[in-house]
PDB file of all heavy atoms in Angstrom:
ATOM      1  N   TYR A   1      49.168 219.284 168.216  1.00  0.00           N
ATOM      2  CA  TYR A   1      49.761 220.259 169.205  1.00  0.00           C
ATOM      3  C   TYR A   1      51.289 220.230 169.171  1.00  0.00           C
ATOM      4  O   TYR A   1      51.897 221.231 169.632  1.00  0.00           O
ATOM      5  CB  TYR A   1      49.322 220.038 170.644  1.00  0.00           C
ATOM      6  CG  TYR A   1      49.621 218.652 171.231  1.00  0.00           C
ATOM      7  CD1 TYR A   1      50.754 218.363 171.874  1.00  0.00           C
ATOM      8  CD2 TYR A   1      48.640 217.571 171.133  1.00  0.00           C
ATOM      9  CE1 TYR A   1      50.970 217.159 172.415  1.00  0.00           C
ATOM     10  CE2 TYR A   1      48.841 216.386 171.695  1.00  0.00           C
ATOM     11  CZ  TYR A   1      49.991 216.109 172.330  1.00  0.00           C
ATOM     12  OH  TYR A   1      50.272 214.915 172.848  1.00  0.00           O
ATOM     13  N   ASP A   2      51.990 219.249 168.658  1.00  0.00           N
ATOM     14  CA  ASP A   2      53.416 219.363 168.631  1.00  0.00           C
ATOM     15  C   ASP A   2      53.966 220.344 167.560  1.00  0.00           C
ATOM     16  O   ASP A   2      53.268 220.603 166.560  1.00  0.00           O
ATOM     17  CB  ASP A   2      54.121 218.008 168.525  1.00  0.00           C
ATOM     18  CG  ASP A   2      54.075 217.329 167.162  1.00  0.00           C
ATOM     19  OD1 ASP A   2      54.105 218.079 166.169  1.00  0.00           O
ATOM     20  OD2 ASP A   2      54.077 216.121 167.059  1.00  0.00           O
ATOM     21  N   THR A   3      55.121 220.889 167.801  1.00  0.00           N
ATOM     22  CA  THR A   3      55.671 221.922 166.918  1.00  0.00           C
ATOM     23  C   THR A   3      56.262 221.301 165.585  1.00  0.00           C
ATOM     24  O   THR A   3      56.313 221.978 164.618  1.00  0.00           O
ATOM     25  CB  THR A   3      56.821 222.691 167.612  1.00  0.00           C
ATOM     26  OG1 THR A   3      57.853 221.771 167.990  1.00  0.00           O
ATOM     27  CG2 THR A   3      56.322 223.437 168.860  1.00  0.00           C
ATOM     28  N   TRP A   4      56.655 220.037 165.612  1.00  0.00           N
ATOM     29  CA  TRP A   4      57.303 219.445 164.425  1.00  0.00           C
ATOM     30  C   TRP A   4      56.270 219.289 163.271  1.00  0.00           C
ATOM     31  O   TRP A   4      56.651 219.511 162.132  1.00  0.00           O
ATOM     32  CB  TRP A   4      57.855 218.133 164.864  1.00  0.00           C
ATOM     33  CG  TRP A   4      58.810 218.315 165.942  1.00  0.00           C
ATOM     34  CD1 TRP A   4      60.068 218.889 165.895  1.00  0.00           C
ATOM     35  CD2 TRP A   4      58.591 218.063 167.339  1.00  0.00           C
ATOM     36  NE1 TRP A   4      60.646 218.994 167.165  1.00  0.00           N
ATOM     37  CE2 TRP A   4      59.737 218.500 168.095  1.00  0.00           C
ATOM     38  CE3 TRP A   4      57.586 217.482 168.057  1.00  0.00           C
ATOM     39  CZ2 TRP A   4      59.857 218.341 169.491  1.00  0.00           C
ATOM     40  CZ3 TRP A   4      57.598 217.384 169.451  1.00  0.00           C
ATOM     41  CH2 TRP A   4      58.826 217.794 170.080  1.00  0.00           C
ATOM     42  N   HIS A   5      55.057 218.867 163.557  1.00  0.00           N
ATOM     43  CA  HIS A   5      54.085 218.743 162.509  1.00  0.00           C
ATOM     44  C   HIS A   5      53.684 220.170 161.988  1.00  0.00           C
ATOM     45  O   HIS A   5      53.367 220.375 160.768  1.00  0.00           O
ATOM     46  CB  HIS A   5      52.731 218.085 163.007  1.00  0.00           C
ATOM     47  CG  HIS A   5      52.940 216.592 163.031  1.00  0.00           C
ATOM     48  ND1 HIS A   5      53.549 215.923 164.085  1.00  0.00           N
ATOM     49  CD2 HIS A   5      52.593 215.625 162.120  1.00  0.00           C
ATOM     50  CE1 HIS A   5      53.566 214.683 163.810  1.00  0.00           C
ATOM     51  NE2 HIS A   5      52.972 214.392 162.668  1.00  0.00           N
ATOM     52  N   LYS A   6      53.784 221.184 162.746  1.00  0.00           N
ATOM     53  CA  LYS A   6      53.468 222.554 162.348  1.00  0.00           C
ATOM     54  C   LYS A   6      54.628 223.034 161.403  1.00  0.00           C
ATOM     55  O   LYS A   6      54.389 223.850 160.464  1.00  0.00           O
ATOM     56  CB  LYS A   6      53.233 223.488 163.490  1.00  0.00           C
ATOM     57  CG  LYS A   6      51.978 223.176 164.271  1.00  0.00           C
ATOM     58  CD  LYS A   6      51.868 223.974 165.468  1.00  0.00           C
ATOM     59  CE  LYS A   6      50.599 223.562 166.192  1.00  0.00           C
ATOM     60  NZ  LYS A   6      50.485 224.165 167.529  1.00  0.00           N
ATOM     61  N   MET A   7      55.786 222.604 161.579  1.00  0.00           N
ATOM     62  CA  MET A   7      56.926 222.898 160.792  1.00  0.00           C
ATOM     63  C   MET A   7      56.838 222.292 159.327  1.00  0.00           C
ATOM     64  O   MET A   7      57.380 222.813 158.369  1.00  0.00           O
ATOM     65  CB  MET A   7      58.288 222.439 161.345  1.00  0.00           C
ATOM     66  CG  MET A   7      58.836 223.352 162.405  1.00  0.00           C
ATOM     67  SD  MET A   7      60.538 222.811 162.812  1.00  0.00           S
ATOM     68  CE  MET A   7      60.211 221.473 163.948  1.00  0.00           C
ATOM     69  N   ASP A   8      56.209 221.173 159.310  1.00  0.00           N
ATOM     70  CA  ASP A   8      56.145 220.328 158.090  1.00  0.00           C
ATOM     71  C   ASP A   8      54.751 219.856 157.882  1.00  0.00           C
ATOM     72  O   ASP A   8      54.503 218.631 158.044  1.00  0.00           O
ATOM     73  CB  ASP A   8      57.159 219.197 158.184  1.00  0.00           C
ATOM     74  CG  ASP A   8      57.507 218.564 156.867  1.00  0.00           C
ATOM     75  OD1 ASP A   8      56.871 218.832 155.845  1.00  0.00           O
ATOM     76  OD2 ASP A   8      58.413 217.757 156.837  1.00  0.00           O
ATOM     77  N   PRO A   9      53.792 220.735 157.478  1.00  0.00           N
ATOM     78  CA  PRO A   9      52.385 220.296 157.277  1.00  0.00           C
ATOM     79  C   PRO A   9      52.136 219.286 156.254  1.00  0.00           C
ATOM     80  O   PRO A   9      51.117 218.614 156.276  1.00  0.00           O
ATOM     81  CB  PRO A   9      51.633 221.561 157.038  1.00  0.00           C
ATOM     82  CG  PRO A   9      52.683 222.646 156.705  1.00  0.00           C
ATOM     83  CD  PRO A   9      54.019 222.198 157.230  1.00  0.00           C
ATOM     84  N   SER A  10      53.085 219.046 155.295  1.00  0.00           N
ATOM     85  CA  SER A  10      52.884 218.051 154.297  1.00  0.00           C
ATOM     86  C   SER A  10      53.404 216.688 154.655  1.00  0.00           C
ATOM     87  O   SER A  10      53.469 215.803 153.829  1.00  0.00           O
ATOM     88  CB  SER A  10      53.588 218.551 152.974  1.00  0.00           C
ATOM     89  OG  SER A  10      54.972 218.609 153.234  1.00  0.00           O
ATOM     90  N   VAL A  11      53.715 216.486 155.912  1.00  0.00           N
ATOM     91  CA  VAL A  11      54.345 215.238 156.446  1.00  0.00           C
ATOM     92  C   VAL A  11      53.285 214.128 156.112  1.00  0.00           C
ATOM     93  O   VAL A  11      52.113 214.294 156.231  1.00  0.00           O
ATOM     94  CB  VAL A  11      54.686 215.346 157.899  1.00  0.00           C
ATOM     95  CG1 VAL A  11      53.503 215.459 158.832  1.00  0.00           C
ATOM     96  CG2 VAL A  11      55.496 214.116 158.303  1.00  0.00           C
ATOM     97  N   LYS A  12      53.834 212.966 155.771  1.00  0.00           N
ATOM     98  CA  LYS A  12      53.006 211.805 155.569  1.00  0.00           C
ATOM     99  C   LYS A  12      53.062 210.869 156.792  1.00  0.00           C
ATOM    100  O   LYS A  12      54.171 210.633 157.279  1.00  0.00           O
ATOM    101  CB  LYS A  12      53.493 211.005 154.372  1.00  0.00           C
ATOM    102  CG  LYS A  12      53.246 211.752 153.055  1.00  0.00           C
ATOM    103  CD  LYS A  12      53.888 211.046 151.914  1.00  0.00           C
ATOM    104  CE  LYS A  12      53.741 211.791 150.580  1.00  0.00           C
ATOM    105  NZ  LYS A  12      54.183 213.159 150.532  1.00  0.00           N
ATOM    106  N   ASN A  13      51.963 210.478 157.252  1.00  0.00           N
ATOM    107  CA  ASN A  13      51.839 209.662 158.521  1.00  0.00           C
ATOM    108  C   ASN A  13      51.281 208.260 158.177  1.00  0.00           C
ATOM    109  O   ASN A  13      50.385 208.161 157.308  1.00  0.00           O
ATOM    110  CB  ASN A  13      50.909 210.349 159.541  1.00  0.00           C
ATOM    111  CG  ASN A  13      51.445 211.666 159.895  1.00  0.00           C
ATOM    112  OD1 ASN A  13      52.598 211.839 160.343  1.00  0.00           O
ATOM    113  ND2 ASN A  13      50.638 212.713 159.792  1.00  0.00           N
ATOM    114  N   THR A  14      51.785 207.230 158.840  1.00  0.00           N
ATOM    115  CA  THR A  14      51.150 205.948 158.812  1.00  0.00           C
ATOM    116  C   THR A  14      51.111 205.464 160.300  1.00  0.00           C
ATOM    117  O   THR A  14      51.872 205.901 161.179  1.00  0.00           O
ATOM    118  CB  THR A  14      52.030 204.948 158.069  1.00  0.00           C
ATOM    119  OG1 THR A  14      53.351 204.879 158.591  1.00  0.00           O
ATOM    120  CG2 THR A  14      52.044 205.334 156.607  1.00  0.00           C
ATOM    121  N   THR A  15      50.134 204.529 160.522  1.00  0.00           N
ATOM    122  CA  THR A  15      50.017 203.976 161.885  1.00  0.00           C
ATOM    123  C   THR A  15      49.852 202.471 161.815  1.00  0.00           C
ATOM    124  O   THR A  15      49.561 201.898 160.778  1.00  0.00           O
ATOM    125  CB  THR A  15      48.705 204.573 162.552  1.00  0.00           C
ATOM    126  OG1 THR A  15      47.552 204.207 161.800  1.00  0.00           O
ATOM    127  CG2 THR A  15      48.789 206.070 162.696  1.00  0.00           C
ATOM    128  N   SER A  16      50.170 201.867 162.996  1.00  0.00           N
ATOM    129  CA  SER A  16      50.071 200.469 163.115  1.00  0.00           C
ATOM    130  C   SER A  16      49.586 200.087 164.496  1.00  0.00           C
ATOM    131  O   SER A  16      50.126 200.645 165.438  1.00  0.00           O
ATOM    132  CB  SER A  16      51.415 199.798 162.812  1.00  0.00           C
ATOM    133  OG  SER A  16      51.450 198.474 163.289  1.00  0.00           O
ATOM    134  N   GLY A  17      48.554 199.304 164.567  1.00  0.00           N
ATOM    135  CA  GLY A  17      48.052 198.895 165.887  1.00  0.00           C
ATOM    136  C   GLY A  17      46.866 199.794 166.274  1.00  0.00           C
ATOM    137  O   GLY A  17      46.298 200.554 165.463  1.00  0.00           O
ATOM    138  N   SER A  18      46.486 199.693 167.517  1.00  0.00           N
ATOM    139  CA  SER A  18      45.348 200.498 168.034  1.00  0.00           C
ATOM    140  C   SER A  18      45.820 201.624 168.899  1.00  0.00           C
ATOM    141  O   SER A  18      46.511 201.467 169.979  1.00  0.00           O
ATOM    142  CB  SER A  18      44.513 199.480 168.935  1.00  0.00           C
ATOM    143  OG  SER A  18      43.401 200.174 169.425  1.00  0.00           O
ATOM    144  N   ASP A  19      45.522 202.874 168.393  1.00  0.00           N
ATOM    145  CA  ASP A  19      45.997 204.064 169.089  1.00  0.00           C
ATOM    146  C   ASP A  19      45.577 204.091 170.576  1.00  0.00           C
ATOM    147  O   ASP A  19      44.455 203.701 170.867  1.00  0.00           O
ATOM    148  CB  ASP A  19      45.521 205.262 168.371  1.00  0.00           C
ATOM    149  CG  ASP A  19      46.336 206.550 168.664  1.00  0.00           C
ATOM    150  OD1 ASP A  19      47.313 206.471 169.487  1.00  0.00           O
ATOM    151  OD2 ASP A  19      46.092 207.586 168.053  1.00  0.00           O
ATOM    152  N   GLY A  20      46.446 204.509 171.413  1.00  0.00           N
ATOM    153  CA  GLY A  20      46.137 204.647 172.818  1.00  0.00           C
ATOM    154  C   GLY A  20      46.386 203.318 173.610  1.00  0.00           C
ATOM    155  O   GLY A  20      46.070 203.247 174.753  1.00  0.00           O
ATOM    156  N   THR A  21      47.089 202.366 172.916  1.00  0.00           N
ATOM    157  CA  THR A  21      47.396 201.093 173.569  1.00  0.00           C
ATOM    158  C   THR A  21      48.864 200.759 173.317  1.00  0.00           C
ATOM    159  O   THR A  21      49.457 201.208 172.355  1.00  0.00           O
ATOM    160  CB  THR A  21      46.513 199.969 173.057  1.00  0.00           C
ATOM    161  OG1 THR A  21      46.797 199.740 171.646  1.00  0.00           O
ATOM    162  CG2 THR A  21      45.085 200.185 173.176  1.00  0.00           C
ATOM    163  N   VAL A  22      49.407 199.962 174.247  1.00  0.00           N
ATOM    164  CA  VAL A  22      50.803 199.544 174.085  1.00  0.00           C
ATOM    165  C   VAL A  22      51.030 198.813 172.776  1.00  0.00           C
ATOM    166  O   VAL A  22      50.148 197.980 172.337  1.00  0.00           O
ATOM    167  CB  VAL A  22      51.246 198.616 175.262  1.00  0.00           C
ATOM    168  CG1 VAL A  22      52.643 198.061 175.018  1.00  0.00           C
ATOM    169  CG2 VAL A  22      51.180 199.472 176.568  1.00  0.00           C
ATOM    170  N   GLY A  23      52.098 199.158 172.020  1.00  0.00           N
ATOM    171  CA  GLY A  23      52.376 198.540 170.748  1.00  0.00           C
ATOM    172  C   GLY A  23      51.909 199.455 169.530  1.00  0.00           C
ATOM    173  O   GLY A  23      52.379 199.111 168.450  1.00  0.00           O
ATOM    174  N   PHE A  24      51.104 200.487 169.756  1.00  0.00           N
ATOM    175  CA  PHE A  24      50.762 201.302 168.642  1.00  0.00           C
ATOM    176  C   PHE A  24      51.920 202.081 168.191  1.00  0.00           C
ATOM    177  O   PHE A  24      52.786 202.565 169.008  1.00  0.00           O
ATOM    178  CB  PHE A  24      49.666 202.310 169.125  1.00  0.00           C
ATOM    179  CG  PHE A  24      49.265 203.322 168.099  1.00  0.00           C
ATOM    180  CD1 PHE A  24      48.458 202.881 167.055  1.00  0.00           C
ATOM    181  CD2 PHE A  24      49.829 204.573 168.136  1.00  0.00           C
ATOM    182  CE1 PHE A  24      48.125 203.928 166.062  1.00  0.00           C
ATOM    183  CE2 PHE A  24      49.463 205.526 167.156  1.00  0.00           C
ATOM    184  CZ  PHE A  24      48.580 205.148 166.087  1.00  0.00           C
ATOM    185  N   ILE A  25      52.086 202.211 166.832  1.00  0.00           N
ATOM    186  CA  ILE A  25      53.203 202.871 166.254  1.00  0.00           C
ATOM    187  C   ILE A  25      52.650 203.893 165.368  1.00  0.00           C
ATOM    188  O   ILE A  25      51.802 203.692 164.490  1.00  0.00           O
ATOM    189  CB  ILE A  25      54.146 201.973 165.388  1.00  0.00           C
ATOM    190  CG1 ILE A  25      54.819 200.903 166.376  1.00  0.00           C
ATOM    191  CG2 ILE A  25      55.190 202.718 164.678  1.00  0.00           C
ATOM    192  CD1 ILE A  25      55.547 199.819 165.652  1.00  0.00           C
ATOM    193  N   TYR A  26      53.181 205.158 165.575  1.00  0.00           N
ATOM    194  CA  TYR A  26      52.856 206.297 164.681  1.00  0.00           C
ATOM    195  C   TYR A  26      54.147 206.718 163.957  1.00  0.00           C
ATOM    196  O   TYR A  26      55.173 207.017 164.602  1.00  0.00           O
ATOM    197  CB  TYR A  26      52.346 207.446 165.585  1.00  0.00           C
ATOM    198  CG  TYR A  26      52.028 208.768 164.812  1.00  0.00           C
ATOM    199  CD1 TYR A  26      50.828 208.900 164.292  1.00  0.00           C
ATOM    200  CD2 TYR A  26      52.988 209.717 164.681  1.00  0.00           C
ATOM    201  CE1 TYR A  26      50.482 210.064 163.679  1.00  0.00           C
ATOM    202  CE2 TYR A  26      52.672 210.877 163.942  1.00  0.00           C
ATOM    203  CZ  TYR A  26      51.376 211.052 163.415  1.00  0.00           C
ATOM    204  OH  TYR A  26      51.100 212.221 162.731  1.00  0.00           O
ATOM    205  N   ALA A  27      54.134 206.617 162.594  1.00  0.00           N
ATOM    206  CA  ALA A  27      55.308 206.848 161.858  1.00  0.00           C
ATOM    207  C   ALA A  27      55.125 208.133 161.069  1.00  0.00           C
ATOM    208  O   ALA A  27      54.016 208.525 160.674  1.00  0.00           O
ATOM    209  CB  ALA A  27      55.626 205.734 160.985  1.00  0.00           C
ATOM    210  N   TRP A  28      56.148 208.839 160.751  1.00  0.00           N
ATOM    211  CA  TRP A  28      56.110 210.049 159.928  1.00  0.00           C
ATOM    212  C   TRP A  28      57.218 210.081 158.922  1.00  0.00           C
ATOM    213  O   TRP A  28      58.270 209.400 159.078  1.00  0.00           O
ATOM    214  CB  TRP A  28      56.224 211.275 160.784  1.00  0.00           C
ATOM    215  CG  TRP A  28      57.498 211.471 161.481  1.00  0.00           C
ATOM    216  CD1 TRP A  28      58.667 212.049 161.035  1.00  0.00           C
ATOM    217  CD2 TRP A  28      57.834 210.948 162.779  1.00  0.00           C
ATOM    218  NE1 TRP A  28      59.688 212.016 161.933  1.00  0.00           N
ATOM    219  CE2 TRP A  28      59.204 211.246 163.040  1.00  0.00           C
ATOM    220  CE3 TRP A  28      57.184 210.203 163.741  1.00  0.00           C
ATOM    221  CZ2 TRP A  28      59.882 210.913 164.216  1.00  0.00           C
ATOM    222  CZ3 TRP A  28      57.852 209.878 164.908  1.00  0.00           C
ATOM    223  CH2 TRP A  28      59.153 210.237 165.126  1.00  0.00           C
ATOM    224  N   ASP A  29      56.936 210.731 157.811  1.00  0.00           N
ATOM    225  CA  ASP A  29      58.000 210.930 156.748  1.00  0.00           C
ATOM    226  C   ASP A  29      57.800 212.340 156.174  1.00  0.00           C
ATOM    227  O   ASP A  29      56.772 212.569 155.462  1.00  0.00           O
ATOM    228  CB  ASP A  29      57.861 209.880 155.726  1.00  0.00           C
ATOM    229  CG  ASP A  29      59.047 209.906 154.659  1.00  0.00           C
ATOM    230  OD1 ASP A  29      59.857 210.813 154.750  1.00  0.00           O
ATOM    231  OD2 ASP A  29      58.977 209.065 153.765  1.00  0.00           O
ATOM    232  N   GLY A  30      58.669 213.275 156.470  1.00  0.00           N
ATOM    233  CA  GLY A  30      58.521 214.626 156.090  1.00  0.00           C
ATOM    234  C   GLY A  30      59.812 215.250 155.524  1.00  0.00           C
ATOM    235  O   GLY A  30      60.894 214.785 155.827  1.00  0.00           O
ATOM    236  N   GLU A  31      59.583 216.212 154.647  1.00  0.00           N
ATOM    237  CA  GLU A  31      60.738 216.895 154.039  1.00  0.00           C
ATOM    238  C   GLU A  31      61.547 217.607 155.008  1.00  0.00           C
ATOM    239  O   GLU A  31      62.804 217.575 154.978  1.00  0.00           O
ATOM    240  CB  GLU A  31      60.210 217.755 152.926  1.00  0.00           C
ATOM    241  CG  GLU A  31      61.342 218.402 152.103  1.00  0.00           C
ATOM    242  CD  GLU A  31      60.753 219.265 150.938  1.00  0.00           C
ATOM    243  OE1 GLU A  31      59.929 218.736 150.186  1.00  0.00           O
ATOM    244  OE2 GLU A  31      61.265 220.384 150.877  1.00  0.00           O
ATOM    245  N   LYS A  32      60.908 218.294 155.964  1.00  0.00           N
ATOM    246  CA  LYS A  32      61.649 219.145 156.911  1.00  0.00           C
ATOM    247  C   LYS A  32      61.937 218.396 158.253  1.00  0.00           C
ATOM    248  O   LYS A  32      62.949 218.708 158.886  1.00  0.00           O
ATOM    249  CB  LYS A  32      60.819 220.368 157.276  1.00  0.00           C
ATOM    250  CG  LYS A  32      60.672 221.286 156.039  1.00  0.00           C
ATOM    251  CD  LYS A  32      59.868 222.540 156.459  1.00  0.00           C
ATOM    252  CE  LYS A  32      59.694 223.422 155.203  1.00  0.00           C
ATOM    253  NZ  LYS A  32      58.753 224.468 155.452  1.00  0.00           N
ATOM    254  N   ILE A  33      61.045 217.464 158.617  1.00  0.00           N
ATOM    255  CA  ILE A  33      61.213 216.834 159.952  1.00  0.00           C
ATOM    256  C   ILE A  33      61.863 215.449 159.865  1.00  0.00           C
ATOM    257  O   ILE A  33      62.025 214.751 160.912  1.00  0.00           O
ATOM    258  CB  ILE A  33      59.938 216.837 160.797  1.00  0.00           C
ATOM    259  CG1 ILE A  33      58.863 215.987 160.112  1.00  0.00           C
ATOM    260  CG2 ILE A  33      59.496 218.198 161.113  1.00  0.00           C
ATOM    261  CD1 ILE A  33      57.609 215.804 160.947  1.00  0.00           C
ATOM    262  N   GLY A  34      62.144 214.970 158.665  1.00  0.00           N
ATOM    263  CA  GLY A  34      62.760 213.714 158.515  1.00  0.00           C
ATOM    264  C   GLY A  34      61.806 212.528 158.582  1.00  0.00           C
ATOM    265  O   GLY A  34      60.635 212.728 158.464  1.00  0.00           O
ATOM    266  N   GLN A  35      62.370 211.398 158.880  1.00  0.00           N
ATOM    267  CA  GLN A  35      61.608 210.160 158.964  1.00  0.00           C
ATOM    268  C   GLN A  35      61.835 209.470 160.309  1.00  0.00           C
ATOM    269  O   GLN A  35      62.986 209.474 160.819  1.00  0.00           O
ATOM    270  CB  GLN A  35      62.017 209.265 157.783  1.00  0.00           C
ATOM    271  CG  GLN A  35      61.259 207.965 157.644  1.00  0.00           C
ATOM    272  CD  GLN A  35      61.790 207.090 156.610  1.00  0.00           C
ATOM    273  OE1 GLN A  35      62.937 207.106 156.274  1.00  0.00           O
ATOM    274  NE2 GLN A  35      60.882 206.333 155.992  1.00  0.00           N
ATOM    275  N   GLY A  36      60.785 208.928 160.890  1.00  0.00           N
ATOM    276  CA  GLY A  36      60.932 208.213 162.120  1.00  0.00           C
ATOM    277  C   GLY A  36      59.627 207.601 162.529  1.00  0.00           C
ATOM    278  O   GLY A  36      58.626 207.590 161.769  1.00  0.00           O
ATOM    279  N   GLU A  37      59.625 207.094 163.815  1.00  0.00           N
ATOM    280  CA  GLU A  37      58.403 206.490 164.370  1.00  0.00           C
ATOM    281  C   GLU A  37      58.422 206.581 165.890  1.00  0.00           C
ATOM    282  O   GLU A  37      59.488 206.737 166.447  1.00  0.00           O
ATOM    283  CB  GLU A  37      58.256 205.094 163.878  1.00  0.00           C
ATOM    284  CG  GLU A  37      59.229 204.115 164.368  1.00  0.00           C
ATOM    285  CD  GLU A  37      59.077 202.729 163.874  1.00  0.00           C
ATOM    286  OE1 GLU A  37      58.478 202.551 162.752  1.00  0.00           O
ATOM    287  OE2 GLU A  37      59.675 201.776 164.441  1.00  0.00           O
ATOM    288  N   GLN A  38      57.252 206.589 166.434  1.00  0.00           N
ATOM    289  CA  GLN A  38      57.094 206.612 167.894  1.00  0.00           C
ATOM    290  C   GLN A  38      56.181 205.468 168.295  1.00  0.00           C
ATOM    291  O   GLN A  38      55.090 205.321 167.655  1.00  0.00           O
ATOM    292  CB  GLN A  38      56.541 207.921 168.315  1.00  0.00           C
ATOM    293  CG  GLN A  38      56.438 208.131 169.802  1.00  0.00           C
ATOM    294  CD  GLN A  38      56.013 209.565 170.164  1.00  0.00           C
ATOM    295  OE1 GLN A  38      55.481 210.325 169.370  1.00  0.00           O
ATOM    296  NE2 GLN A  38      56.224 209.887 171.426  1.00  0.00           N
ATOM    297  N   GLU A  39      56.583 204.683 169.243  1.00  0.00           N
ATOM    298  CA  GLU A  39      55.781 203.488 169.671  1.00  0.00           C
ATOM    299  C   GLU A  39      55.421 203.656 171.110  1.00  0.00           C
ATOM    300  O   GLU A  39      56.319 203.899 171.970  1.00  0.00           O
ATOM    301  CB  GLU A  39      56.568 202.244 169.458  1.00  0.00           C
ATOM    302  CG  GLU A  39      55.952 200.994 169.913  1.00  0.00           C
ATOM    303  CD  GLU A  39      56.712 199.703 169.650  1.00  0.00           C
ATOM    304  OE1 GLU A  39      57.867 199.767 169.181  1.00  0.00           O
ATOM    305  OE2 GLU A  39      56.231 198.631 170.045  1.00  0.00           O
ATOM    306  N   ILE A  40      54.219 203.339 171.481  1.00  0.00           N
ATOM    307  CA  ILE A  40      53.768 203.340 172.863  1.00  0.00           C
ATOM    308  C   ILE A  40      54.315 202.095 173.557  1.00  0.00           C
ATOM    309  O   ILE A  40      54.060 200.923 173.005  1.00  0.00           O
ATOM    310  CB  ILE A  40      52.263 203.404 172.980  1.00  0.00           C
ATOM    311  CG1 ILE A  40      51.667 204.676 172.468  1.00  0.00           C
ATOM    312  CG2 ILE A  40      51.807 203.251 174.466  1.00  0.00           C
ATOM    313  CD1 ILE A  40      50.175 204.773 172.389  1.00  0.00           C
ATOM    314  N   THR A  41      55.131 202.202 174.538  1.00  0.00           N
ATOM    315  CA  THR A  41      55.851 201.107 175.184  1.00  0.00           C
ATOM    316  C   THR A  41      55.214 200.792 176.537  1.00  0.00           C
ATOM    317  O   THR A  41      55.340 199.646 177.053  1.00  0.00           O
ATOM    318  CB  THR A  41      57.286 201.269 175.359  1.00  0.00           C
ATOM    319  OG1 THR A  41      57.499 202.529 176.137  1.00  0.00           O
ATOM    320  CG2 THR A  41      57.942 201.387 174.000  1.00  0.00           C
ATOM    321  N   ASN A  42      54.449 201.744 177.162  1.00  0.00           N
ATOM    322  CA  ASN A  42      53.965 201.502 178.441  1.00  0.00           C
ATOM    323  C   ASN A  42      52.844 202.496 178.707  1.00  0.00           C
ATOM    324  O   ASN A  42      52.972 203.655 178.376  1.00  0.00           O
ATOM    325  CB  ASN A  42      54.988 201.614 179.546  1.00  0.00           C
ATOM    326  CG  ASN A  42      54.491 201.349 180.951  1.00  0.00           C
ATOM    327  OD1 ASN A  42      53.852 200.344 181.209  1.00  0.00           O
ATOM    328  ND2 ASN A  42      54.693 202.217 181.875  1.00  0.00           N
ATOM    329  N   ILE A  43      51.728 202.066 179.353  1.00  0.00           N
ATOM    330  CA  ILE A  43      50.671 202.990 179.786  1.00  0.00           C
ATOM    331  C   ILE A  43      50.267 202.613 181.246  1.00  0.00           C
ATOM    332  O   ILE A  43      50.033 201.407 181.507  1.00  0.00           O
ATOM    333  CB  ILE A  43      49.463 202.910 178.884  1.00  0.00           C
ATOM    334  CG1 ILE A  43      49.782 203.498 177.517  1.00  0.00           C
ATOM    335  CG2 ILE A  43      48.277 203.689 179.484  1.00  0.00           C
ATOM    336  CD1 ILE A  43      48.620 203.448 176.473  1.00  0.00           C
TER     337      ILE A  43
END
């Protein structure tokens, strides 16, 4: 649903941890949207 993935459909994603829990990291590397990561810090 986010607009950034729609801008760069060839983006490469990696994950670490258990999705939906504190500490999970979702990382991206794309030509148009750059490189970064998002970590769940609190639920």
